[in-house]
Amino acid sequence: MTISNTSKNAHVDQSAPTKPPFLTPGDITLEVLQNWEMGCRQFIKHKEVAAEEQVGKVVWGMQEPSIQELYLNDQECINRLTFEDYMAEVHIYWLPLDWANITHHKMLSLNQGDKPFNEWAVEVQTLNTLLHGTTLHLSETDLHYHLEAHMHADLKVRLLDKKHLHLLNKQNEAVEAALCAECACNGDKRLTSSSQYNMKAGRNTTRKTGTFMCIPPLTDEECTLLRDNNSCFKCREPFAGHTSATCNKGFPDSVTYKTITLAAITTKKGKKMSHTIVLVDTENTVAVVILSVALGDGTDSNKCVAPLTTPLLHWDCLVDGPTVSSPIHVLVLIDDGSAAVLIDESLTLKLGLCVHKLPKSVPFNITLSGNKKEAFLLLDYVKLACTSLDSCYTSCTVHAIMAPNLCTPLLLGGPFLHHNKITIDHENHTCLVKDMNYNLLCPVMPAKPLLVPLPPQMHEMRLDIICELKHILPEYKTLVDDSCDEVNGINLIAAVCEHITTLATEESL
């Protein structure tokens, strides 16, 4: 883990959770100091360091010379401190005296502006976390008030509409309670048919025979479904095309009211689409004419040779994460029919990937036995990339939506194939990366270069060597001749006389 700021600021380096973090030399800020403290607590938890040894185990990780000098001057006293007391001393010595006021003022001055609400809220909560343990730390209630006061105006209007709807529900419940009390005073009579006048719509609504019942308040999931499907929060009708302020239908009947579910909205959406009529001009339209495949007695002229099933596209790859020391092997499923990339929650926890909130919840349906469907919402996603086993190919980073109890650890759908420019050939059972011509399912290892050249290359090399020797050898001969001593000539007459004398001496002996 490496958390860095600017070049003059210190940053935190931690290779693994089981290793103590290092605080590099530089200016120490509140964010950097908190990152170092979190790294120390992670190391202490993993190694189960005793309380009296915690400071001594991590204090040398502060590589700032002034901090090390302060520790050396009073080493024994500092080692006796608890980790919490030591961090309090560090805050006093190395942070500005008004660091809490500066952080508090920065947090209170943050407005949402054009930022997404989730991003802005996380930024405010991060600054509030830095103030933990001080008197300026905001409680959960105060933090909610601050976010509501500084959010975008359009988002605030939507929140006020929700509160107004809740107030209308309360008023409706109070009116219904008063009617029930009046009926009880008149002899506990049951309402056979009552006409309740709607002040907003200006019309009468007739209720069936039975006791007066209150409609249940909307849950968070129901509010999300109504908001995502252009619905009205008053009449609770999906695809209504109006808001609660302009609703003329009034509140739904408590007797016939049904809880809002994703399946009900999907069904109504299908009915709405089926009511659409498209006018098609059929004049001068020519249909395609084909020959019948039935001959003679009506049997098929050609046998069907299409396979009943085809093999799944599985890819052996490597995925990496902060909590693993090296990439782990995962057998993933490639599905070009999937509209999203899905990852199982267990693999996310194993890799320790950073979890992000989706801007909008993603609905999913599971078809069970019969016509029963189970619907649920997916809310989180992570970022990851995959690498082939031979390390020849690494994919681009994609967003994978977290899904519980997935049938495979990782499902690579359409976004992965589109972003990495991968084409699938079901006939040849291949997944080709177009930029590299690399097959994910059956990678071909590159051919090793030949060490011995071919005969034509040998001939060309031989000619080059001969040509080079013709140019170099004369120069070397000149150098050798210049470095050697000159040889005297031979006296032939003296040599012949000497040889004759030698022969005569041998004959006399």
Protein backbone atom coordinates (compact mmCIF):
# COMPACT_ATOMS: atom_id res chain seq x y z
CA MET A 1 0.00 0.00 0.00
CA THR A 2 1.48 3.36 -1.06
CA ILE A 3 -0.35 6.58 -0.25
CA SER A 4 1.42 9.63 -1.64
CA ASN A 5 0.74 13.35 -1.79
CA THR A 6 2.95 16.05 -3.35
CA SER A 7 6.70 15.68 -3.63
CA LYS A 8 7.41 17.80 -0.52
CA ASN A 9 4.84 16.04 1.65
CA ALA A 10 5.45 12.78 3.46
CA HIS A 11 3.63 9.65 2.35
CA VAL A 12 2.96 6.18 3.74
CA ASP A 13 4.49 2.97 2.35
CA GLN A 14 3.29 -0.46 3.51
CA SER A 15 4.14 -3.54 1.46
CA ALA A 16 1.74 -5.87 3.29
CA PRO A 17 -0.67 -5.78 6.27
CA THR A 18 1.79 -7.93 8.24
CA LYS A 19 4.59 -5.35 7.79
CA PRO A 20 4.88 -2.09 9.76
CA PRO A 21 4.18 1.04 7.68
CA PHE A 22 6.86 3.60 6.83
CA LEU A 23 6.32 7.37 6.97
CA THR A 24 8.78 8.93 4.52
CA PRO A 25 10.55 12.24 5.25
CA GLY A 26 8.58 15.37 4.40
CA ASP A 27 5.84 17.64 5.68
CA ILE A 28 3.37 15.74 7.88
CA THR A 29 -0.30 16.50 7.24
CA LEU A 30 -3.36 15.31 9.14
CA GLU A 31 -4.41 12.95 6.31
CA VAL A 32 -0.95 11.38 6.06
CA LEU A 33 -0.75 10.95 9.83
CA GLN A 34 -4.14 9.24 9.90
CA ASN A 35 -3.09 6.90 7.07
CA TRP A 36 0.04 5.96 9.01
CA GLU A 37 -2.03 5.35 12.16
CA MET A 38 -4.44 3.08 10.25
CA GLY A 39 -1.50 1.14 8.82
CA CYS A 40 -0.04 0.71 12.32
CA ARG A 41 -3.34 -0.54 13.72
CA GLN A 42 -3.64 -2.99 10.83
CA PHE A 43 -0.11 -4.29 11.50
CA ILE A 44 -0.77 -4.56 15.27
CA LYS A 45 -4.00 -6.49 14.65
CA HIS A 46 -2.44 -8.96 12.20
CA LYS A 47 0.69 -9.60 14.28
CA GLU A 48 -1.16 -9.48 17.65
CA VAL A 49 1.48 -7.20 19.19
CA ALA A 50 1.25 -6.76 22.96
CA ALA A 51 0.17 -3.34 24.22
CA GLU A 52 3.51 -2.59 25.91
CA GLU A 53 5.44 -3.36 22.69
CA GLN A 54 3.26 -1.58 20.15
CA VAL A 55 5.05 1.79 20.14
CA GLY A 56 8.51 0.22 19.94
CA LYS A 57 7.46 -1.95 16.98
CA VAL A 58 6.17 0.89 14.79
CA VAL A 59 7.99 4.06 15.89
CA TRP A 60 11.03 3.37 13.69
CA GLY A 61 8.71 3.50 10.69
CA MET A 62 8.72 7.32 11.01
CA GLN A 63 11.73 8.18 8.83
CA GLU A 64 11.58 11.94 9.41
CA PRO A 65 15.00 12.78 11.00
CA SER A 66 13.53 15.22 13.52
CA ILE A 67 11.06 12.59 14.78
CA GLN A 68 13.78 9.95 15.06
CA GLU A 69 16.00 12.36 16.98
CA LEU A 70 13.16 13.13 19.40
CA TYR A 71 12.62 9.39 19.91
CA LEU A 72 16.32 8.70 20.54
CA ASN A 73 16.50 11.43 23.17
CA ASP A 74 13.70 9.90 25.25
CA GLN A 75 13.42 6.33 23.95
CA GLU A 76 12.59 4.56 27.20
CA CYS A 77 9.85 7.00 28.18
CA ILE A 78 8.22 6.87 24.74
CA ASN A 79 8.30 3.05 24.66
CA ARG A 80 6.29 2.96 27.89
CA LEU A 81 3.44 4.93 26.30
CA THR A 82 0.40 3.22 24.86
CA PHE A 83 -0.18 3.59 21.15
CA GLU A 84 -3.12 5.97 21.72
CA ASP A 85 -1.04 8.22 24.02
CA TYR A 86 1.84 8.18 21.53
CA MET A 87 -0.45 9.30 18.68
CA ALA A 88 -1.82 12.07 20.90
CA GLU A 89 1.75 13.29 21.54
CA VAL A 90 2.51 13.18 17.81
CA HIS A 91 -0.59 15.29 17.07
CA ILE A 92 0.55 17.87 19.62
CA TYR A 93 4.16 18.07 18.39
CA TRP A 94 3.81 17.79 14.58
CA LEU A 95 0.43 19.32 13.70
CA PRO A 96 -0.62 22.99 13.87
CA LEU A 97 -2.26 24.00 17.12
CA ASP A 98 -5.53 24.85 15.34
CA TRP A 99 -5.58 21.83 13.00
CA ALA A 100 -8.99 20.77 14.32
CA ASN A 101 -10.51 24.22 13.68
CA ILE A 102 -9.02 24.32 10.17
CA THR A 103 -10.43 20.89 9.31
CA HIS A 104 -13.81 21.75 10.87
CA HIS A 105 -14.04 25.00 8.89
CA LYS A 106 -13.09 23.19 5.67
CA MET A 107 -15.78 20.56 6.27
CA LEU A 108 -18.52 23.11 7.02
CA SER A 109 -17.67 25.17 3.92
CA LEU A 110 -18.09 22.24 1.50
CA ASN A 111 -21.17 22.50 -0.74
CA GLN A 112 -22.39 19.83 -3.12
CA GLY A 113 -22.36 22.03 -6.21
CA ASP A 114 -22.18 19.93 -9.38
CA LYS A 115 -20.62 16.91 -7.66
CA PRO A 116 -22.56 13.64 -7.30
CA PHE A 117 -24.15 13.38 -3.87
CA ASN A 118 -22.30 10.17 -2.97
CA GLU A 119 -18.89 11.66 -3.81
CA TRP A 120 -19.59 14.87 -1.89
CA ALA A 121 -21.01 13.02 1.14
CA VAL A 122 -17.94 10.75 1.31
CA GLU A 123 -15.66 13.80 1.23
CA VAL A 124 -17.56 15.41 4.13
CA GLN A 125 -17.57 12.16 6.13
CA THR A 126 -13.82 11.75 5.54
CA LEU A 127 -13.10 15.18 7.01
CA ASN A 128 -15.43 14.42 9.92
CA THR A 129 -13.52 11.19 10.55
CA LEU A 130 -10.30 13.20 10.91
CA LEU A 131 -11.97 15.06 13.80
CA HIS A 132 -12.78 11.86 15.67
CA GLY A 133 -11.93 12.20 19.34
CA THR A 134 -12.22 16.01 19.33
CA THR A 135 -15.05 18.28 20.46
CA LEU A 136 -15.59 19.44 16.86
CA HIS A 137 -16.56 15.97 15.62
CA LEU A 138 -20.14 15.98 14.31
CA SER A 139 -22.58 13.38 15.53
CA GLU A 140 -24.60 11.36 13.05
CA THR A 141 -27.64 13.62 13.50
CA ASP A 142 -25.61 16.82 13.07
CA LEU A 143 -23.93 15.35 10.00
CA HIS A 144 -27.35 14.63 8.46
CA TYR A 145 -28.42 18.24 9.13
CA HIS A 146 -25.22 19.53 7.51
CA LEU A 147 -25.66 17.38 4.39
CA GLU A 148 -29.31 18.42 4.06
CA ALA A 149 -28.47 22.12 4.42
CA HIS A 150 -25.63 22.13 1.84
CA MET A 151 -26.98 19.72 -0.80
CA HIS A 152 -27.98 20.78 -4.32
CA ALA A 153 -31.24 22.70 -4.64
CA ASP A 154 -32.87 20.16 -6.99
CA LEU A 155 -32.00 17.28 -4.69
CA LYS A 156 -33.32 19.25 -1.72
CA VAL A 157 -36.68 19.75 -3.49
CA ARG A 158 -36.93 15.99 -4.07
CA LEU A 159 -36.20 15.38 -0.39
CA LEU A 160 -38.82 17.94 0.62
CA ASP A 161 -41.37 16.20 -1.64
CA LYS A 162 -40.66 12.95 0.17
CA LYS A 163 -41.12 14.65 3.55
CA HIS A 164 -44.33 16.29 2.31
CA LEU A 165 -45.62 12.89 1.22
CA HIS A 166 -44.81 11.49 4.65
CA LEU A 167 -46.72 14.40 6.25
CA LEU A 168 -49.73 13.76 3.99
CA ASN A 169 -49.68 10.10 5.02
CA LYS A 170 -49.69 11.14 8.67
CA GLN A 171 -52.62 13.49 8.08
CA ASN A 172 -54.51 10.77 6.24
CA GLU A 173 -53.92 8.36 9.10
CA ALA A 174 -55.20 10.98 11.57
CA VAL A 175 -58.39 11.50 9.54
CA GLU A 176 -58.97 7.76 9.31
CA ALA A 177 -58.42 7.38 13.06
CA ALA A 178 -60.99 10.13 13.72
CA LEU A 179 -63.52 8.40 11.45
CA CYS A 180 -62.96 5.11 13.25
CA ALA A 181 -63.48 6.80 16.63
CA GLU A 182 -66.71 8.42 15.40
CA CYS A 183 -68.03 5.06 14.19
CA ALA A 184 -67.24 3.51 17.56
CA CYS A 185 -69.17 6.26 19.37
CA ASN A 186 -72.24 5.66 17.17
CA GLY A 187 -72.60 2.04 18.29
CA ASP A 188 -69.52 0.38 16.80
CA LYS A 189 -71.14 0.26 13.39
CA ARG A 190 -69.16 -0.94 10.43
CA LEU A 191 -68.81 1.26 7.41
CA THR A 192 -70.94 -0.15 4.61
CA SER A 193 -70.29 2.44 1.94
CA SER A 194 -68.70 5.76 2.69
CA SER A 195 -67.95 8.59 0.35
CA GLN A 196 -64.73 10.36 1.20
CA TYR A 197 -64.30 13.73 -0.44
CA ASN A 198 -60.83 14.43 -1.81
CA MET A 199 -60.01 18.11 -1.28
CA LYS A 200 -57.17 18.03 -3.79
CA ALA A 201 -59.00 16.34 -6.66
CA GLY A 202 -62.48 17.72 -5.96
CA ARG A 203 -64.28 14.41 -6.47
CA ASN A 204 -65.84 11.63 -4.40
CA THR A 205 -64.16 8.24 -3.99
CA THR A 206 -66.30 5.26 -2.91
CA ARG A 207 -64.81 2.67 -0.57
CA LYS A 208 -65.99 -0.95 -0.33
CA THR A 209 -67.80 -2.41 2.64
CA GLY A 210 -65.50 -3.11 5.62
CA THR A 211 -63.54 -1.45 8.37
CA PHE A 212 -61.43 1.60 7.51
CA MET A 213 -57.74 0.63 7.08
CA CYS A 214 -54.59 2.74 6.70
CA ILE A 215 -52.19 2.23 3.81
CA PRO A 216 -48.69 1.32 4.96
CA PRO A 217 -45.93 3.94 4.58
CA LEU A 218 -43.45 3.63 1.72
CA THR A 219 -40.21 1.78 2.39
CA ASP A 220 -36.83 2.89 1.05
CA GLU A 221 -36.92 0.20 -1.64
CA GLU A 222 -40.41 1.27 -2.76
CA CYS A 223 -39.29 4.92 -2.93
CA THR A 224 -36.35 3.89 -5.11
CA LEU A 225 -38.61 1.93 -7.48
CA LEU A 226 -41.10 4.81 -7.77
CA ARG A 227 -38.33 7.36 -8.36
CA ASP A 228 -36.62 5.26 -11.05
CA ASN A 229 -39.85 4.58 -13.00
CA ASN A 230 -41.38 8.08 -13.32
CA SER A 231 -44.01 7.33 -10.68
CA CYS A 232 -46.20 9.41 -8.39
CA PHE A 233 -45.56 9.26 -4.65
CA LYS A 234 -49.20 10.09 -3.86
CA CYS A 235 -51.26 7.66 -5.94
CA ARG A 236 -48.26 5.29 -6.10
CA GLU A 237 -48.85 4.50 -9.75
CA PRO A 238 -45.76 3.64 -11.84
CA PHE A 239 -45.29 5.51 -15.14
CA ALA A 240 -47.93 8.03 -13.99
CA GLY A 241 -46.33 10.97 -15.79
CA HIS A 242 -47.09 13.44 -12.98
CA THR A 243 -45.86 14.28 -9.45
CA SER A 244 -47.60 14.32 -6.09
CA ALA A 245 -48.20 18.08 -6.41
CA THR A 246 -50.24 17.64 -9.63
CA CYS A 247 -51.85 14.27 -8.80
CA ASN A 248 -55.64 14.10 -9.34
CA LYS A 249 -56.15 10.47 -8.32
CA GLY A 250 -55.59 10.83 -4.59
CA PHE A 251 -54.22 8.17 -2.28
CA PRO A 252 -54.81 4.49 -3.18
CA ASP A 253 -57.58 2.43 -1.59
CA SER A 254 -56.30 0.69 1.53
CA VAL A 255 -58.38 -2.43 0.79
CA THR A 256 -57.09 -3.08 -2.73
CA TYR A 257 -53.61 -1.62 -2.20
CA LYS A 258 -50.68 -3.95 -2.94
CA THR A 259 -47.05 -3.49 -2.00
CA ILE A 260 -44.94 -2.06 -4.81
CA THR A 261 -42.46 -4.63 -6.15
CA LEU A 262 -40.06 -4.79 -9.06
CA ALA A 263 -42.04 -7.65 -10.60
CA ALA A 264 -45.27 -5.61 -10.56
CA ILE A 265 -43.56 -2.63 -12.20
CA THR A 266 -42.00 -4.88 -14.84
CA THR A 267 -45.40 -6.42 -15.62
CA LYS A 268 -47.05 -3.03 -15.94
CA LYS A 269 -44.20 -1.80 -18.13
CA GLY A 270 -44.74 -4.77 -20.46
CA LYS A 271 -48.48 -4.07 -20.65
CA LYS A 272 -47.79 -0.43 -21.38
CA MET A 273 -45.43 -1.33 -24.22
CA SER A 274 -47.91 -3.87 -25.63
CA HIS A 275 -50.56 -1.14 -25.96
CA THR A 276 -48.41 0.79 -28.43
CA ILE A 277 -49.69 0.47 -32.02
CA VAL A 278 -47.30 0.96 -34.94
CA LEU A 279 -48.77 1.88 -38.33
CA VAL A 280 -47.06 -0.07 -41.12
CA ASP A 281 -47.64 0.64 -44.79
CA THR A 282 -48.16 -2.76 -46.40
CA GLU A 283 -48.77 -1.51 -49.94
CA ASN A 284 -46.39 -2.97 -52.55
CA THR A 285 -44.81 -5.19 -49.90
CA VAL A 286 -43.19 -8.36 -51.27
CA ALA A 287 -42.72 -11.30 -48.93
CA VAL A 288 -39.75 -13.64 -49.11
CA VAL A 289 -40.58 -16.80 -51.06
CA ILE A 290 -38.75 -19.98 -50.02
CA LEU A 291 -39.09 -23.62 -50.97
CA SER A 292 -40.63 -26.08 -48.57
CA VAL A 293 -38.23 -28.51 -46.95
CA ALA A 294 -40.88 -31.21 -46.84
CA LEU A 295 -40.80 -33.57 -49.80
CA GLY A 296 -42.87 -36.60 -50.75
CA ASP A 297 -44.49 -38.03 -47.65
CA GLY A 298 -43.77 -34.94 -45.55
CA THR A 299 -40.44 -36.03 -44.02
CA ASP A 300 -37.52 -33.60 -43.67
CA SER A 301 -35.22 -33.69 -46.66
CA ASN A 302 -32.18 -32.70 -44.57
CA LYS A 303 -31.25 -33.98 -41.13
CA CYS A 304 -30.73 -31.42 -38.37
CA VAL A 305 -27.08 -31.56 -37.35
CA ALA A 306 -27.09 -28.57 -34.98
CA PRO A 307 -25.64 -29.48 -31.55
CA LEU A 308 -27.92 -29.46 -28.54
CA THR A 309 -25.32 -27.66 -26.41
CA THR A 310 -22.02 -25.88 -26.92
CA PRO A 311 -19.15 -25.75 -24.42
CA LEU A 312 -18.95 -22.76 -22.11
CA LEU A 313 -16.20 -20.20 -22.64
CA HIS A 314 -13.93 -20.53 -19.59
CA TRP A 315 -10.70 -18.54 -19.29
CA ASP A 316 -7.89 -19.31 -16.84
CA CYS A 317 -6.52 -15.95 -15.74
CA LEU A 318 -4.88 -14.11 -12.86
CA VAL A 319 -6.49 -11.37 -10.74
CA ASP A 320 -4.78 -9.22 -8.12
CA GLY A 321 -5.89 -7.26 -5.07
CA PRO A 322 -4.56 -5.36 -2.03
CA THR A 323 -4.88 -8.28 0.43
CA VAL A 324 -3.06 -10.93 -1.63
CA SER A 325 0.72 -11.08 -1.92
CA SER A 326 0.62 -12.29 -5.53
CA PRO A 327 -2.08 -12.65 -8.23
CA ILE A 328 -4.38 -15.62 -7.70
CA HIS A 329 -5.60 -18.08 -10.32
CA VAL A 330 -9.32 -17.80 -11.18
CA LEU A 331 -11.42 -19.72 -13.71
CA VAL A 332 -13.78 -17.07 -15.13
CA LEU A 333 -16.79 -17.43 -17.40
CA ILE A 334 -16.99 -15.36 -20.61
CA ASP A 335 -20.62 -14.68 -21.58
CA ASP A 336 -21.34 -12.42 -24.55
CA GLY A 337 -25.05 -12.58 -23.67
CA SER A 338 -24.57 -10.86 -20.30
CA ALA A 339 -25.15 -7.11 -20.19
CA ALA A 340 -22.81 -6.60 -17.21
CA VAL A 341 -19.61 -7.84 -15.62
CA LEU A 342 -20.44 -9.64 -12.36
CA ILE A 343 -18.16 -10.70 -9.49
CA ASP A 344 -18.99 -12.88 -6.52
CA GLU A 345 -18.83 -11.26 -3.09
CA SER A 346 -16.48 -13.97 -1.78
CA LEU A 347 -13.86 -13.17 -4.45
CA THR A 348 -14.17 -9.45 -3.66
CA LEU A 349 -13.49 -10.08 0.02
CA LYS A 350 -10.59 -12.43 -0.79
CA LEU A 351 -8.89 -9.84 -3.00
CA GLY A 352 -9.73 -6.91 -0.70
CA LEU A 353 -10.93 -4.74 -3.59
CA CYS A 354 -12.25 -1.24 -2.91
CA VAL A 355 -16.07 -1.27 -3.06
CA HIS A 356 -17.91 1.66 -4.70
CA LYS A 357 -21.61 2.54 -4.72
CA LEU A 358 -23.47 2.39 -8.02
CA PRO A 359 -24.99 5.72 -9.13
CA LYS A 360 -28.24 3.82 -9.70
CA SER A 361 -29.29 0.44 -8.39
CA VAL A 362 -29.35 -2.38 -10.96
CA PRO A 363 -32.41 -4.70 -10.81
CA PHE A 364 -31.96 -8.42 -11.49
CA ASN A 365 -34.55 -11.19 -11.86
CA ILE A 366 -34.11 -14.89 -11.11
CA THR A 367 -36.67 -17.23 -12.66
CA LEU A 368 -37.58 -20.10 -10.34
CA SER A 369 -39.87 -23.09 -10.87
CA GLY A 370 -43.10 -22.18 -12.67
CA ASN A 371 -43.75 -18.50 -13.34
CA LYS A 372 -42.36 -17.31 -10.01
CA LYS A 373 -39.62 -14.70 -10.26
CA GLU A 374 -37.35 -13.44 -7.51
CA ALA A 375 -36.18 -9.83 -7.95
CA PHE A 376 -33.36 -8.10 -6.11
CA LEU A 377 -31.22 -4.98 -6.47
CA LEU A 378 -27.42 -4.79 -6.88
CA LEU A 379 -25.89 -1.70 -5.29
CA ASP A 380 -22.05 -2.00 -5.30
CA TYR A 381 -19.25 -2.44 -7.84
CA VAL A 382 -15.45 -2.85 -7.91
CA LYS A 383 -12.67 -2.17 -10.39
CA LEU A 384 -10.41 -4.97 -11.61
CA ALA A 385 -8.30 -6.22 -14.50
CA CYS A 386 -7.41 -9.76 -15.62
CA THR A 387 -4.04 -11.10 -16.78
CA SER A 388 -3.36 -14.24 -18.82
CA LEU A 389 -1.34 -17.06 -17.27
CA ASP A 390 1.58 -16.42 -19.63
CA SER A 391 1.51 -12.67 -18.76
CA CYS A 392 1.32 -11.83 -22.47
CA TYR A 393 -2.02 -10.04 -22.13
CA THR A 394 -3.54 -7.79 -19.47
CA SER A 395 -7.05 -6.45 -19.94
CA CYS A 396 -8.20 -2.89 -19.42
CA THR A 397 -9.77 -2.09 -16.07
CA VAL A 398 -13.53 -2.67 -16.01
CA HIS A 399 -16.33 -2.19 -13.48
CA ALA A 400 -17.63 -5.44 -12.01
CA ILE A 401 -20.98 -5.41 -10.19
CA MET A 402 -21.00 -7.38 -6.94
CA ALA A 403 -23.58 -10.19 -6.85
CA PRO A 404 -24.22 -12.60 -3.96
CA ASN A 405 -24.01 -16.39 -4.48
CA LEU A 406 -22.86 -16.11 -8.10
CA CYS A 407 -22.47 -19.41 -9.97
CA THR A 408 -18.91 -18.46 -10.97
CA PRO A 409 -16.28 -16.33 -9.22
CA LEU A 410 -16.20 -13.85 -12.11
CA LEU A 411 -18.48 -13.42 -15.14
CA LEU A 412 -17.08 -11.31 -17.99
CA GLY A 413 -19.98 -9.93 -20.01
CA GLY A 414 -20.52 -7.42 -22.78
CA PRO A 415 -18.73 -4.42 -21.19
CA PHE A 416 -15.51 -6.44 -20.81
CA LEU A 417 -15.65 -7.66 -24.43
CA HIS A 418 -16.49 -4.20 -25.79
CA HIS A 419 -13.88 -2.29 -23.76
CA ASN A 420 -11.06 -4.73 -24.60
CA LYS A 421 -12.08 -5.18 -28.29
CA ILE A 422 -12.59 -8.95 -28.04
CA THR A 423 -14.49 -10.96 -30.64
CA ILE A 424 -15.98 -14.41 -29.98
CA ASP A 425 -16.16 -17.17 -32.58
CA HIS A 426 -18.47 -19.91 -31.28
CA GLU A 427 -17.73 -22.16 -34.25
CA ASN A 428 -13.97 -22.23 -33.62
CA HIS A 429 -14.31 -21.74 -29.85
CA THR A 430 -12.03 -18.69 -29.77
CA CYS A 431 -11.93 -15.31 -28.02
CA LEU A 432 -9.58 -13.09 -30.01
CA VAL A 433 -8.17 -9.75 -28.87
CA LYS A 434 -8.27 -7.80 -32.13
CA ASP A 435 -5.34 -5.49 -31.35
CA MET A 436 -2.97 -8.40 -30.57
CA ASN A 437 -4.57 -11.32 -32.43
CA TYR A 438 -4.32 -13.15 -29.10
CA ASN A 439 -6.65 -16.05 -28.30
CA LEU A 440 -7.64 -16.04 -24.62
CA LEU A 441 -8.96 -19.61 -24.64
CA CYS A 442 -5.96 -21.20 -26.41
CA PRO A 443 -2.91 -18.92 -26.29
CA VAL A 444 -0.13 -19.73 -28.77
CA MET A 445 3.37 -19.39 -27.35
CA PRO A 446 5.73 -17.34 -29.58
CA ALA A 447 8.20 -19.40 -31.59
CA LYS A 448 11.77 -19.43 -30.27
CA PRO A 449 14.34 -17.83 -32.61
CA LEU A 450 16.70 -20.23 -34.44
CA LEU A 451 20.28 -20.18 -33.12
CA VAL A 452 21.81 -21.68 -36.33
CA PRO A 453 21.29 -19.49 -39.42
CA LEU A 454 19.95 -20.93 -42.63
CA PRO A 455 22.33 -21.82 -45.56
CA PRO A 456 21.59 -18.66 -47.58
CA GLN A 457 22.35 -16.57 -44.52
CA MET A 458 25.55 -18.57 -43.90
CA HIS A 459 26.77 -17.80 -47.46
CA GLU A 460 26.13 -14.08 -47.04
CA MET A 461 27.91 -14.07 -43.69
CA ARG A 462 30.94 -15.89 -45.21
CA LEU A 463 31.25 -13.29 -47.98
CA ASP A 464 31.05 -10.46 -45.47
CA ILE A 465 33.83 -12.00 -43.36
CA ILE A 466 36.14 -12.46 -46.40
CA CYS A 467 35.55 -8.88 -47.49
CA GLU A 468 36.32 -7.63 -44.01
CA LEU A 469 39.55 -9.68 -43.81
CA LYS A 470 40.76 -8.28 -47.13
CA HIS A 471 40.53 -4.79 -45.71
CA ILE A 472 41.90 -5.53 -42.26
CA LEU A 473 44.80 -8.00 -42.91
CA PRO A 474 46.99 -5.62 -45.00
CA GLU A 475 46.78 -3.03 -42.26
CA TYR A 476 47.75 -5.61 -39.63
CA LYS A 477 50.73 -6.78 -41.80
CA THR A 478 52.05 -3.24 -41.97
CA LEU A 479 51.77 -2.86 -38.21
CA VAL A 480 53.58 -6.17 -37.59
CA ASP A 481 56.41 -5.32 -39.99
CA ASP A 482 56.96 -1.96 -38.36
CA SER A 483 57.16 -3.50 -34.88
CA CYS A 484 59.78 -6.21 -35.82
CA ASP A 485 63.59 -5.75 -36.12
CA GLU A 486 65.15 -5.69 -39.59
CA VAL A 487 66.73 -9.02 -40.74
CA ASN A 488 70.33 -8.88 -42.18
CA GLY A 489 71.10 -10.48 -45.54
CA ILE A 490 72.93 -13.91 -45.94
CA ASN A 491 76.63 -14.14 -47.18
CA LEU A 492 76.46 -17.13 -49.55
CA ILE A 493 80.26 -17.52 -50.12
CA ALA A 494 81.10 -17.55 -46.43
CA ALA A 495 78.28 -19.99 -45.77
CA VAL A 496 79.53 -22.41 -48.49
CA CYS A 497 83.10 -22.27 -47.20
CA GLU A 498 81.94 -22.92 -43.67
CA HIS A 499 79.88 -25.89 -44.78
CA ILE A 500 82.87 -27.38 -46.75
CA THR A 501 85.11 -27.06 -43.72
CA THR A 502 82.51 -28.84 -41.60
CA LEU A 503 82.27 -31.73 -44.05
CA ALA A 504 86.07 -32.10 -44.26
CA THR A 505 86.34 -32.25 -40.50
CA GLU A 506 83.71 -34.98 -40.34
CA GLU A 507 85.60 -37.06 -42.97
CA SER A 508 88.90 -36.81 -41.09
CA LEU A 509 87.26 -38.10 -37.98
